[in-house]
Amino acid sequence: MGDAGEKALDNDAEGVWSPDIEQSFQEALAIYPPCGRRKIILSDEGKMYGRNELIARYIKLRTGKTRTRKQVSSHIQVLARRKTREIQAKLKDQVAKDKALQTMAAMSSAQLVSATVLQEKLGLSEPRYPPTTTSTEFFQFWTGDANQSRTTPDVKPILQAPYTIPPITAPPAAPGYHTPTGRLSRLPSTSSWQGSHIGTETLRLVEFTAFVERQGEQDPQQHRFVHIDPAPTTDPPLEMVDVRQIYDKFPERGGGLRDLYDQGPPHAFFLVKFWADLSFPLPEEEPGGTGGAFYGVSSRYEGPRALTLSCTSKVCSFGKQVVEKLETAEPPHWEDGRFVFSLPRSPLCEYLINFIRKLRTLPEKPMMDSVLENFTILQVLRDQETQELLLCVAFVFEVSASERGAQHHIYRLGRD
């Protein structure tokens, strides 16, 4: 079908897509990945939605204008055909073009459109051409912070094809926590808030904070997204969550949670559920900037022996790694009978900054929680010289009610 035919289809089947509707449509594509015939369950509502229904719902919430599921589907098909022609036009080499066509033939219209839209919405670079030989590497992007270690490559696939999406469900004991079908959750009530119990006889987490801070002020204002404080606690031992319940939230191979746990030691594995505080004013900024704000993470650990502590953080979306960062803690210092290790003010990479800012623009908490259902972070701490695994912490997230502020709950990971 030619351009004229597609334009007619745009107008006849979908109505006029005004700029505000198109903008909301593009935002929704970035939020809700393709899931085929499977449904998405919004945890706060318990209702099941198809992806196009969620996009139509999002458009209605953002603009007050109605677009049906069929209109959304038609619009995606039009954009997919357009994108296919654009990609073909960019590829001059016939072999590369054939590989691209083979890759695109295996992708649905929704997958093809979403893979590129999400890159654009996050302010990332355009896909590189020609594509590599596997479809999972077809869409790639550069991420990372200018201050990040140059020894850590940050070229990662943002979305894998074909896509899979686990059901976004929540057991009654902990809203927003996904438990695979057939398994019972052992998470206790969210009304109980514990201090830091993350540690072994070799290393203990003392404090962990992710924050945003306005720069260039005499008295910088700092807002904490999440925080684990160093206050002592006399709470009972941590409840255990079966590590197999969250395998699908992290990479299956290449240093994923399954591989790490199999290598052990098992007592070094923990899960933290954060209720993040996003109730802060966005700094005024130019497009793509940070408004003079600094986004960072500070953490502190302690242990009985001096060593070189390395920390690897893997950011995952739908169980696939999108960013990895490797850092080394400051040399330990002796304090009150133990060695203290610090990773102060580590800057967040561009991917996470954009993710937080885009998340903040969503109109309601259930939408934010729906996105966060499939966003996780895996942090691994090792003795750099021996590569002994000292701690492994899996982080899952939900948005806190504004009046409660940042909260967390800590669990021990194990196997029944």
Protein backbone atom coordinates (compact mmCIF):
# COMPACT_ATOMS: atom_id res chain seq x y z
CA MET A 1 0.00 0.00 0.00
CA GLY A 2 1.36 3.42 -0.89
CA ASP A 3 1.67 6.53 1.27
CA ALA A 4 -1.69 7.85 0.05
CA GLY A 5 -3.40 4.58 0.91
CA GLU A 6 -1.85 4.50 4.34
CA LYS A 7 -2.85 8.08 5.00
CA ALA A 8 -6.39 7.20 4.06
CA LEU A 9 -6.27 4.25 6.42
CA ASP A 10 -4.97 6.53 9.16
CA ASN A 11 -7.91 8.88 8.75
CA ASP A 12 -10.70 6.40 7.98
CA ALA A 13 -9.95 3.58 10.39
CA GLU A 14 -8.52 5.60 13.26
CA GLY A 15 -9.94 9.07 13.03
CA VAL A 16 -7.64 12.07 13.18
CA TRP A 17 -4.70 11.45 15.51
CA SER A 18 -4.00 14.91 16.89
CA PRO A 19 -0.54 15.69 18.32
CA ASP A 20 -1.64 15.16 21.93
CA ILE A 21 -3.13 11.76 21.09
CA GLU A 22 -0.03 10.76 19.13
CA GLN A 23 2.23 11.81 21.99
CA SER A 24 0.21 9.77 24.49
CA PHE A 25 0.21 6.84 22.06
CA GLN A 26 4.01 6.97 21.79
CA GLU A 27 4.36 7.17 25.60
CA ALA A 28 2.10 4.14 26.03
CA LEU A 29 4.14 2.13 23.52
CA ALA A 30 7.19 2.74 25.69
CA ILE A 31 5.35 1.71 28.86
CA TYR A 32 3.55 -1.44 27.72
CA PRO A 33 5.67 -3.92 25.71
CA PRO A 34 4.10 -6.35 23.24
CA CYS A 35 2.67 -9.44 24.95
CA GLY A 36 0.97 -11.31 22.09
CA ARG A 37 -2.34 -12.85 23.10
CA ARG A 38 -1.49 -12.75 26.78
CA LYS A 39 -3.17 -10.32 29.15
CA ILE A 40 -1.69 -7.85 31.59
CA ILE A 41 -3.17 -7.66 35.07
CA LEU A 42 -3.05 -4.30 36.83
CA SER A 43 -2.32 -5.25 40.43
CA ASP A 44 -4.34 -2.47 42.07
CA GLU A 45 -7.45 -3.29 40.00
CA GLY A 46 -7.16 -7.02 39.44
CA LYS A 47 -8.51 -6.55 35.91
CA MET A 48 -7.02 -8.13 32.81
CA TYR A 49 -6.18 -5.99 29.79
CA GLY A 50 -4.75 -6.63 26.36
CA ARG A 51 -1.88 -4.38 25.37
CA ASN A 52 -3.92 -2.33 22.90
CA GLU A 53 -6.64 -1.88 25.52
CA LEU A 54 -4.06 -0.48 27.92
CA ILE A 55 -2.77 1.90 25.26
CA ALA A 56 -6.32 3.11 24.54
CA ARG A 57 -6.93 3.49 28.27
CA TYR A 58 -3.72 5.48 28.65
CA ILE A 59 -4.71 7.83 25.80
CA LYS A 60 -8.08 8.42 27.47
CA LEU A 61 -6.45 9.18 30.83
CA ARG A 62 -3.89 11.56 29.35
CA THR A 63 -6.02 13.40 26.81
CA GLY A 64 -9.65 12.73 27.67
CA LYS A 65 -10.14 11.54 24.07
CA THR A 66 -11.31 8.08 23.13
CA ARG A 67 -9.48 5.69 20.82
CA THR A 68 -10.66 2.12 20.55
CA ARG A 69 -8.57 -1.02 20.75
CA LYS A 70 -9.09 -1.59 17.01
CA GLN A 71 -8.01 1.97 16.19
CA VAL A 72 -4.83 1.44 18.21
CA SER A 73 -4.15 -1.85 16.40
CA SER A 74 -4.64 -0.21 13.01
CA HIS A 75 -2.31 2.65 13.89
CA ILE A 76 0.42 0.23 15.01
CA GLN A 77 0.17 -1.67 11.71
CA VAL A 78 0.51 1.54 9.71
CA LEU A 79 3.58 2.59 11.71
CA ALA A 80 5.14 -0.86 11.35
CA ARG A 81 4.88 -0.76 7.55
CA ARG A 82 6.35 2.71 7.56
CA LYS A 83 9.21 1.62 9.82
CA THR A 84 9.95 -1.40 7.63
CA ARG A 85 10.35 0.84 4.58
CA GLU A 86 12.59 3.24 6.51
CA ILE A 87 14.87 0.44 7.63
CA GLN A 88 15.08 -1.00 4.11
CA ALA A 89 15.95 2.43 2.74
CA LYS A 90 18.84 2.81 5.21
CA LEU A 91 20.42 -0.52 4.32
CA LYS A 92 22.47 -0.40 1.13
CA ASP A 93 24.20 -3.76 1.44
CA GLN A 94 21.98 -6.55 0.09
CA VAL A 95 23.18 -9.15 2.60
CA ALA A 96 22.43 -6.81 5.49
CA LYS A 97 19.05 -5.96 3.97
CA ASP A 98 18.15 -9.65 3.65
CA LYS A 99 19.10 -10.27 7.28
CA ALA A 100 17.06 -7.28 8.39
CA LEU A 101 14.02 -8.46 6.44
CA GLN A 102 14.40 -11.93 7.93
CA THR A 103 14.55 -10.44 11.42
CA MET A 104 11.55 -8.18 10.85
CA ALA A 105 9.54 -11.03 9.36
CA ALA A 106 9.79 -12.81 12.71
CA MET A 107 8.52 -9.77 14.59
CA SER A 108 4.95 -8.63 15.00
CA SER A 109 3.94 -5.08 14.11
CA ALA A 110 3.78 -4.26 17.81
CA GLN A 111 7.30 -5.59 18.42
CA LEU A 112 8.76 -3.70 15.48
CA VAL A 113 7.18 -0.38 16.44
CA SER A 114 7.84 -0.68 20.18
CA ALA A 115 11.50 -1.63 19.87
CA THR A 116 12.30 1.68 18.22
CA VAL A 117 9.77 3.83 20.05
CA LEU A 118 11.11 2.93 23.47
CA GLN A 119 14.60 3.97 22.43
CA GLU A 120 13.31 7.31 21.21
CA LYS A 121 11.19 7.91 24.33
CA LEU A 122 14.20 7.32 26.56
CA GLY A 123 16.24 9.81 24.57
CA LEU A 124 18.65 7.17 23.35
CA SER A 125 20.45 6.85 20.06
CA GLU A 126 18.89 5.54 16.88
CA PRO A 127 19.27 1.83 16.06
CA ARG A 128 22.55 1.01 14.39
CA TYR A 129 22.66 -0.50 10.94
CA PRO A 130 23.34 -3.03 9.60
CA PRO A 131 21.86 -5.29 12.29
CA THR A 132 23.75 -8.21 13.74
CA THR A 133 22.93 -11.77 12.79
CA THR A 134 20.52 -12.46 15.64
CA SER A 135 17.18 -10.80 16.13
CA THR A 136 17.82 -10.33 19.84
CA GLU A 137 20.61 -7.89 19.00
CA PHE A 138 18.71 -6.04 16.31
CA PHE A 139 17.91 -2.94 18.35
CA GLN A 140 20.75 -1.71 20.54
CA PHE A 141 21.67 1.53 22.21
CA TRP A 142 24.40 3.30 24.14
CA THR A 143 23.79 3.93 27.84
CA GLY A 144 25.84 4.97 30.78
CA ASP A 145 27.14 8.02 32.56
CA ALA A 146 30.11 10.10 31.54
CA ASN A 147 31.72 9.37 34.91
CA GLN A 148 31.19 5.64 34.64
CA SER A 149 34.19 3.34 34.47
CA ARG A 150 35.46 3.06 30.91
CA THR A 151 36.32 -0.57 31.45
CA THR A 152 32.64 -1.51 31.62
CA PRO A 153 30.97 -1.77 28.21
CA ASP A 154 27.43 -0.39 28.21
CA VAL A 155 26.21 -1.56 24.83
CA LYS A 156 23.19 -3.69 25.68
CA PRO A 157 20.01 -4.78 23.87
CA ILE A 158 17.10 -2.79 25.25
CA LEU A 159 14.33 -5.12 24.13
CA GLN A 160 14.57 -8.74 23.14
CA ALA A 161 12.58 -10.26 20.29
CA PRO A 162 10.34 -12.12 20.40
CA TYR A 163 8.98 -10.56 23.59
CA THR A 164 7.55 -12.41 26.54
CA ILE A 165 5.79 -10.83 29.47
CA PRO A 166 5.06 -12.55 32.77
CA PRO A 167 1.62 -11.92 34.25
CA ILE A 168 1.61 -8.80 36.39
CA THR A 169 -0.04 -10.27 39.47
CA ALA A 170 0.21 -9.72 43.18
CA PRO A 171 -0.41 -12.11 46.06
CA PRO A 172 -2.51 -10.57 48.84
CA ALA A 173 0.37 -10.41 51.32
CA ALA A 174 2.52 -8.06 49.22
CA PRO A 175 0.83 -6.01 46.47
CA GLY A 176 2.89 -5.75 43.33
CA TYR A 177 5.01 -8.84 43.97
CA HIS A 178 4.87 -11.43 41.19
CA THR A 179 4.53 -15.07 42.16
CA PRO A 180 4.63 -17.63 39.31
CA THR A 181 1.53 -19.78 38.87
CA GLY A 182 1.35 -22.73 41.22
CA ARG A 183 3.59 -21.26 43.90
CA LEU A 184 2.42 -19.66 47.13
CA SER A 185 3.95 -16.44 48.34
CA ARG A 186 5.48 -16.35 51.79
CA LEU A 187 5.81 -12.58 51.93
CA PRO A 188 4.48 -11.12 55.18
CA SER A 189 2.32 -8.04 55.52
CA THR A 190 3.75 -4.79 54.17
CA SER A 191 2.86 -3.09 57.45
CA SER A 192 6.02 -4.48 59.03
CA TRP A 193 9.13 -2.45 58.19
CA GLN A 194 12.53 -3.85 59.08
CA GLY A 195 15.98 -2.33 59.30
CA SER A 196 19.05 -3.67 57.53
CA HIS A 197 19.57 -7.38 58.01
CA ILE A 198 21.48 -7.80 54.77
CA GLY A 199 24.74 -9.46 55.66
CA THR A 200 26.85 -12.48 56.47
CA GLU A 201 29.82 -13.04 58.75
CA THR A 202 32.01 -11.55 55.98
CA LEU A 203 30.11 -8.44 54.85
CA ARG A 204 27.05 -6.49 55.99
CA LEU A 205 25.11 -3.71 54.28
CA VAL A 206 24.95 -0.73 56.64
CA GLU A 207 23.23 1.91 54.52
CA PHE A 208 21.87 2.28 50.99
CA THR A 209 20.34 5.41 49.43
CA ALA A 210 19.27 6.41 45.93
CA PHE A 211 18.62 10.13 45.66
CA VAL A 212 18.33 13.27 43.55
CA GLU A 213 20.01 16.47 44.64
CA ARG A 214 19.82 19.98 43.24
CA GLN A 215 23.24 21.27 42.24
CA GLY A 216 24.68 24.74 42.50
CA GLU A 217 22.91 25.68 45.74
CA GLN A 218 24.50 26.68 49.03
CA ASP A 219 22.31 24.21 50.89
CA PRO A 220 21.57 21.43 48.36
CA GLN A 221 18.12 19.86 48.66
CA GLN A 222 18.25 16.07 48.60
CA HIS A 223 15.29 13.78 47.96
CA ARG A 224 15.62 10.06 48.67
CA PHE A 225 13.89 7.70 46.29
CA VAL A 226 14.78 4.65 48.38
CA HIS A 227 16.69 4.27 51.62
CA ILE A 228 17.94 1.53 53.93
CA ASP A 229 19.13 3.11 57.15
CA PRO A 230 21.83 1.96 59.56
CA ALA A 231 19.57 1.99 62.65
CA PRO A 232 20.04 -1.11 64.82
CA THR A 233 17.06 -3.44 65.03
CA THR A 234 15.93 -6.28 67.23
CA ASP A 235 13.42 -7.70 64.74
CA PRO A 236 13.20 -11.50 64.39
CA PRO A 237 15.15 -13.35 61.68
CA LEU A 238 14.17 -12.58 58.10
CA GLU A 239 11.47 -14.58 56.41
CA MET A 240 12.61 -16.59 53.42
CA VAL A 241 11.38 -16.20 49.85
CA ASP A 242 12.04 -19.07 47.45
CA VAL A 243 14.65 -17.74 45.05
CA ARG A 244 12.98 -19.65 42.21
CA GLN A 245 10.01 -17.28 42.44
CA ILE A 246 12.08 -14.43 41.01
CA TYR A 247 14.35 -16.25 38.54
CA ASP A 248 12.28 -14.88 35.65
CA LYS A 249 12.94 -11.29 36.71
CA PHE A 250 16.67 -11.57 35.96
CA PRO A 251 18.83 -12.92 33.12
CA GLU A 252 18.81 -16.70 32.88
CA ARG A 253 22.49 -17.02 31.97
CA GLY A 254 25.72 -15.07 32.07
CA GLY A 255 25.75 -14.11 35.74
CA GLY A 256 22.00 -14.11 36.27
CA LEU A 257 20.41 -14.87 39.63
CA ARG A 258 20.03 -18.59 38.90
CA ASP A 259 23.70 -19.03 38.01
CA LEU A 260 24.86 -16.99 40.98
CA TYR A 261 22.71 -18.88 43.46
CA ASP A 262 23.87 -22.22 42.09
CA GLN A 263 27.46 -21.11 42.72
CA GLY A 264 26.62 -19.86 46.23
CA PRO A 265 27.10 -19.40 49.07
CA PRO A 266 23.31 -19.54 49.58
CA HIS A 267 23.32 -17.56 52.84
CA ALA A 268 24.63 -14.48 50.97
CA PHE A 269 21.44 -13.90 48.92
CA PHE A 270 18.76 -11.35 49.84
CA LEU A 271 15.69 -9.67 48.37
CA VAL A 272 14.64 -6.07 49.03
CA LYS A 273 11.18 -4.81 48.13
CA PHE A 274 11.32 -1.01 47.89
CA TRP A 275 8.35 1.32 47.95
CA ALA A 276 10.01 4.27 46.22
CA ASP A 277 9.14 7.87 47.09
CA LEU A 278 8.59 9.72 43.81
CA SER A 279 6.76 12.67 45.37
CA PHE A 280 9.28 15.35 44.47
CA PRO A 281 9.09 18.29 42.07
CA LEU A 282 10.88 17.69 38.78
CA PRO A 283 13.68 20.23 38.31
CA GLU A 284 13.11 22.71 35.50
CA GLU A 285 15.22 21.57 32.61
CA GLU A 286 15.92 21.73 28.94
CA PRO A 287 14.83 18.68 26.91
CA GLY A 288 17.16 15.77 27.58
CA GLY A 289 18.88 17.47 30.51
CA THR A 290 18.72 16.94 34.24
CA GLY A 291 17.89 20.50 35.26
CA GLY A 292 21.13 20.93 37.20
CA ALA A 293 20.22 17.97 39.43
CA PHE A 294 22.51 15.13 40.47
CA TYR A 295 21.08 11.61 40.54
CA GLY A 296 23.14 9.17 42.57
CA VAL A 297 23.46 6.20 44.89
CA SER A 298 25.45 6.01 48.12
CA SER A 299 26.09 2.78 50.00
CA ARG A 300 28.15 1.65 52.97
CA TYR A 301 29.22 -1.81 54.13
CA GLU A 302 31.26 -3.27 57.00
CA GLY A 303 33.18 -6.47 57.62
CA PRO A 304 35.87 -8.10 59.79
CA ARG A 305 38.67 -8.09 57.25
CA ALA A 306 40.31 -5.65 54.86
CA LEU A 307 39.74 -6.39 51.19
CA THR A 308 39.10 -4.68 47.85
CA LEU A 309 35.33 -4.61 47.47
CA SER A 310 33.86 -4.63 43.95
CA CYS A 311 30.21 -3.98 43.21
CA THR A 312 28.39 -4.99 40.00
CA SER A 313 24.90 -3.59 39.42
CA LYS A 314 22.68 -4.98 36.67
CA VAL A 315 19.52 -3.13 35.66
CA CYS A 316 16.95 -5.49 34.14
CA SER A 317 13.75 -4.97 32.18
CA PHE A 318 11.42 -7.95 31.67
CA GLY A 319 14.19 -10.23 32.91
CA LYS A 320 16.72 -8.96 30.35
CA GLN A 321 19.80 -6.97 31.30
CA VAL A 322 19.84 -3.45 29.85
CA VAL A 323 22.64 -1.76 31.79
CA GLU A 324 25.59 -3.04 33.82
CA LYS A 325 27.90 -0.99 36.00
CA LEU A 326 31.08 -2.14 37.75
CA GLU A 327 32.54 -0.12 40.62
CA THR A 328 35.19 -0.48 43.28
CA ALA A 329 34.61 0.75 46.83
CA GLU A 330 36.94 3.23 48.49
CA PRO A 331 39.80 1.60 50.42
CA PRO A 332 38.40 0.37 53.75
CA HIS A 333 39.07 2.23 56.99
CA TRP A 334 39.07 0.85 60.52
CA GLU A 335 36.18 2.09 62.65
CA ASP A 336 34.81 0.76 65.95
CA GLY A 337 36.32 -2.67 65.59
CA ARG A 338 35.52 -3.39 61.93
CA PHE A 339 36.44 -2.32 58.42
CA VAL A 340 34.07 0.10 56.68
CA PHE A 341 33.65 0.19 52.89
CA SER A 342 32.02 3.14 51.10
CA LEU A 343 30.62 3.75 47.62
CA PRO A 344 29.62 7.41 47.99
CA ARG A 345 27.66 9.43 45.43
CA SER A 346 27.90 7.00 42.54
CA PRO A 347 26.17 8.73 39.60
CA LEU A 348 23.16 7.06 38.04
CA CYS A 349 23.51 6.21 34.36
CA GLU A 350 21.46 8.04 31.74
CA TYR A 351 19.10 5.08 31.33
CA LEU A 352 18.01 5.19 34.99
CA ILE A 353 17.69 8.97 35.06
CA ASN A 354 15.44 8.91 32.02
CA PHE A 355 13.50 5.98 33.42
CA ILE A 356 12.77 7.83 36.69
CA ARG A 357 11.78 11.00 34.89
CA LYS A 358 9.46 9.20 32.46
CA LEU A 359 7.95 7.20 35.30
CA ARG A 360 7.17 10.43 37.15
CA THR A 361 5.09 11.72 34.24
CA LEU A 362 2.58 8.86 34.45
CA PRO A 363 -0.80 10.13 35.64
CA GLU A 364 -1.55 7.57 38.34
CA LYS A 365 0.17 5.21 40.78
CA PRO A 366 -1.26 1.95 39.29
CA MET A 367 0.41 2.78 35.97
CA MET A 368 3.75 3.40 37.70
CA ASP A 369 3.45 0.12 39.61
CA SER A 370 2.56 -1.71 36.41
CA VAL A 371 5.78 -0.48 34.80
CA LEU A 372 7.85 -1.27 37.89
CA GLU A 373 6.55 -4.86 37.98
CA ASN A 374 9.06 -5.63 35.24
CA PHE A 375 11.95 -3.44 36.43
CA THR A 376 14.56 -5.00 38.73
CA ILE A 377 18.15 -4.50 39.84
CA LEU A 378 20.65 -7.18 40.82
CA GLN A 379 23.67 -6.13 42.87
CA VAL A 380 26.64 -8.43 43.45
CA LEU A 381 29.49 -7.66 45.86
CA ARG A 382 32.74 -9.59 45.65
CA ASP A 383 36.26 -9.67 46.99
CA GLN A 384 37.98 -8.26 43.91
CA GLU A 385 41.16 -10.28 44.39
CA THR A 386 39.65 -13.70 45.05
CA GLN A 387 36.27 -13.11 43.29
CA GLU A 388 34.56 -14.62 46.33
CA LEU A 389 30.86 -13.68 46.34
CA LEU A 390 30.16 -11.80 49.56
CA LEU A 391 26.62 -10.51 49.03
CA CYS A 392 23.98 -10.67 46.31
CA VAL A 393 20.92 -8.44 46.62
CA ALA A 394 17.90 -8.46 44.31
CA PHE A 395 15.81 -5.27 44.29
CA VAL A 396 12.14 -5.08 43.24
CA PHE A 397 10.05 -1.92 43.28
CA GLU A 398 6.69 -0.31 43.72
CA VAL A 399 5.67 3.33 44.27
CA SER A 400 5.01 4.44 47.82
CA ALA A 401 1.89 6.33 48.77
CA SER A 402 3.01 9.97 48.97
CA GLU A 403 2.15 10.37 52.65
CA ARG A 404 4.25 7.37 53.69
CA GLY A 405 7.56 8.21 52.02
CA ALA A 406 10.22 5.68 51.03
CA GLN A 407 9.87 2.27 52.69
CA HIS A 408 11.35 -1.18 52.30
CA HIS A 409 11.18 -4.76 53.46
CA ILE A 410 14.03 -7.27 53.43
CA TYR A 411 13.84 -11.03 52.85
CA ARG A 412 16.33 -13.86 52.78
CA LEU A 413 16.48 -15.82 49.51
CA GLY A 414 16.63 -19.60 49.69
CA ARG A 415 15.14 -22.84 48.38
CA ASP A 416 12.46 -24.86 50.13
